[in-house]
Amino acid sequence: MRERWFGATGKRVPELAVEGDPLVPLAEALVFDDVSDDAKLREVGLGPLDYESRLKELGFALSPPDEDGSQRLVRFAKEGH
């Protein structure tokens, strides 16, 4: 099973876990029942990511979708460079 880092704890935990799994120390976790309310997420500093703005800052953009719906990263010249 794949693992991931558990925040800044330095611990590795299963990538997918069922509630109550003893390998995941929930006492040290921020647990959400629902992530559909953007305002509540922003209150704790977890607002939705704006990928397109971040890509633009880095000098990239997403291409228009291909026939299969996939998109590619396209490099462009950033303003002032």
C-alpha atoms as a PDB file:
ATOM      1  CA  MET A   1       0.000   0.000   0.000  1.00  0.00           C
ATOM      2  CA  ARG A   2       1.243   3.481  -0.820  1.00  0.00           C
ATOM      3  CA  GLU A   3       2.022   5.811   2.045  1.00  0.00           C
ATOM      4  CA  ARG A   4       2.190   9.557   2.467  1.00  0.00           C
ATOM      5  CA  TRP A   5       3.674  11.953   5.007  1.00  0.00           C
ATOM      6  CA  PHE A   6       1.318  12.875   7.847  1.00  0.00           C
ATOM      7  CA  GLY A   7       1.751  16.636   7.919  1.00  0.00           C
ATOM      8  CA  ALA A   8       4.846  17.844   9.738  1.00  0.00           C
ATOM      9  CA  THR A   9       4.814  14.939  12.196  1.00  0.00           C
ATOM     10  CA  GLY A  10       7.516  13.041  10.319  1.00  0.00           C
ATOM     11  CA  LYS A  11       5.281   9.952  10.290  1.00  0.00           C
ATOM     12  CA  ARG A  12       4.254   7.950   7.240  1.00  0.00           C
ATOM     13  CA  VAL A  13       0.671   6.704   7.105  1.00  0.00           C
ATOM     14  CA  PRO A  14      -1.369   4.732   4.549  1.00  0.00           C
ATOM     15  CA  GLU A  15      -2.495   6.896   1.630  1.00  0.00           C
ATOM     16  CA  LEU A  16      -6.052   5.626   2.078  1.00  0.00           C
ATOM     17  CA  ALA A  17      -7.444   4.824   5.497  1.00  0.00           C
ATOM     18  CA  VAL A  18     -10.778   3.964   7.043  1.00  0.00           C
ATOM     19  CA  GLU A  19     -11.996   5.973  10.010  1.00  0.00           C
ATOM     20  CA  GLY A  20     -10.679   4.339  13.163  1.00  0.00           C
ATOM     21  CA  ASP A  21      -7.527   2.937  11.532  1.00  0.00           C
ATOM     22  CA  PRO A  22      -4.954   2.745  14.364  1.00  0.00           C
ATOM     23  CA  LEU A  23      -2.123   3.590  11.957  1.00  0.00           C
ATOM     24  CA  VAL A  24      -3.504   7.126  11.486  1.00  0.00           C
ATOM     25  CA  PRO A  25      -3.120   9.267  14.626  1.00  0.00           C
ATOM     26  CA  LEU A  26      -6.320  11.331  14.389  1.00  0.00           C
ATOM     27  CA  ALA A  27      -5.658  13.078  17.701  1.00  0.00           C
ATOM     28  CA  GLU A  28      -3.004  15.048  15.772  1.00  0.00           C
ATOM     29  CA  ALA A  29      -5.181  15.620  12.679  1.00  0.00           C
ATOM     30  CA  LEU A  30      -7.544  18.248  11.404  1.00  0.00           C
ATOM     31  CA  VAL A  31     -10.568  16.150  10.357  1.00  0.00           C
ATOM     32  CA  PHE A  32     -13.370  17.379   8.102  1.00  0.00           C
ATOM     33  CA  ASP A  33     -16.764  15.773   7.653  1.00  0.00           C
ATOM     34  CA  ASP A  34     -17.466  17.937   4.618  1.00  0.00           C
ATOM     35  CA  VAL A  35     -15.262  20.008   2.296  1.00  0.00           C
ATOM     36  CA  SER A  36     -17.984  21.617   0.205  1.00  0.00           C
ATOM     37  CA  ASP A  37     -18.130  24.921   2.146  1.00  0.00           C
ATOM     38  CA  ASP A  38     -15.346  27.186   0.812  1.00  0.00           C
ATOM     39  CA  ALA A  39     -15.921  29.813   3.537  1.00  0.00           C
ATOM     40  CA  LYS A  40     -15.327  27.281   6.343  1.00  0.00           C
ATOM     41  CA  LEU A  41     -12.185  26.020   4.638  1.00  0.00           C
ATOM     42  CA  ARG A  42     -10.853  29.576   4.290  1.00  0.00           C
ATOM     43  CA  GLU A  43     -11.409  30.127   8.047  1.00  0.00           C
ATOM     44  CA  VAL A  44      -8.726  27.512   8.738  1.00  0.00           C
ATOM     45  CA  GLY A  45      -6.466  28.606   5.877  1.00  0.00           C
ATOM     46  CA  LEU A  46      -7.482  25.876   3.441  1.00  0.00           C
ATOM     47  CA  GLY A  47      -9.307  27.784   0.721  1.00  0.00           C
ATOM     48  CA  PRO A  48      -9.649  26.255  -2.726  1.00  0.00           C
ATOM     49  CA  LEU A  49      -6.560  26.322  -4.912  1.00  0.00           C
ATOM     50  CA  ASP A  50      -6.483  28.566  -7.944  1.00  0.00           C
ATOM     51  CA  TYR A  51      -4.313  26.474 -10.242  1.00  0.00           C
ATOM     52  CA  GLU A  52      -4.627  28.714 -13.278  1.00  0.00           C
ATOM     53  CA  SER A  53      -3.338  31.821 -11.441  1.00  0.00           C
ATOM     54  CA  ARG A  54      -0.452  29.870  -9.920  1.00  0.00           C
ATOM     55  CA  LEU A  55       0.486  28.406 -13.302  1.00  0.00           C
ATOM     56  CA  LYS A  56       0.444  31.894 -14.813  1.00  0.00           C
ATOM     57  CA  GLU A  57       2.767  33.153 -12.045  1.00  0.00           C
ATOM     58  CA  LEU A  58       5.188  30.374 -12.995  1.00  0.00           C
ATOM     59  CA  GLY A  59       5.021  31.135 -16.722  1.00  0.00           C
ATOM     60  CA  PHE A  60       2.685  28.330 -17.791  1.00  0.00           C
ATOM     61  CA  ALA A  61      -0.900  27.972 -18.948  1.00  0.00           C
ATOM     62  CA  LEU A  62      -3.231  25.070 -19.663  1.00  0.00           C
ATOM     63  CA  SER A  63      -3.917  24.412 -23.326  1.00  0.00           C
ATOM     64  CA  PRO A  64      -7.520  24.153 -24.509  1.00  0.00           C
ATOM     65  CA  PRO A  65      -8.858  20.613 -23.989  1.00  0.00           C
ATOM     66  CA  ASP A  66      -7.966  18.037 -26.648  1.00  0.00           C
ATOM     67  CA  GLU A  67     -10.642  15.820 -28.184  1.00  0.00           C
ATOM     68  CA  ASP A  68     -10.270  13.383 -25.284  1.00  0.00           C
ATOM     69  CA  GLY A  69     -10.565  16.202 -22.714  1.00  0.00           C
ATOM     70  CA  SER A  70      -6.905  16.173 -21.699  1.00  0.00           C
ATOM     71  CA  GLN A  71      -4.930  19.399 -21.374  1.00  0.00           C
ATOM     72  CA  ARG A  72      -1.221  20.147 -21.683  1.00  0.00           C
ATOM     73  CA  LEU A  73       0.981  22.666 -19.923  1.00  0.00           C
ATOM     74  CA  VAL A  74       2.200  25.380 -22.272  1.00  0.00           C
ATOM     75  CA  ARG A  75       5.150  27.621 -21.408  1.00  0.00           C
ATOM     76  CA  PHE A  76       4.842  31.292 -22.262  1.00  0.00           C
ATOM     77  CA  ALA A  77       7.025  34.355 -21.790  1.00  0.00           C
ATOM     78  CA  LYS A  78       6.199  36.028 -18.480  1.00  0.00           C
ATOM     79  CA  GLU A  79       5.657  39.775 -18.590  1.00  0.00           C
ATOM     80  CA  GLY A  80       8.789  41.760 -17.807  1.00  0.00           C
ATOM     81  CA  HIS A  81      11.182  38.925 -18.784  1.00  0.00           C
END
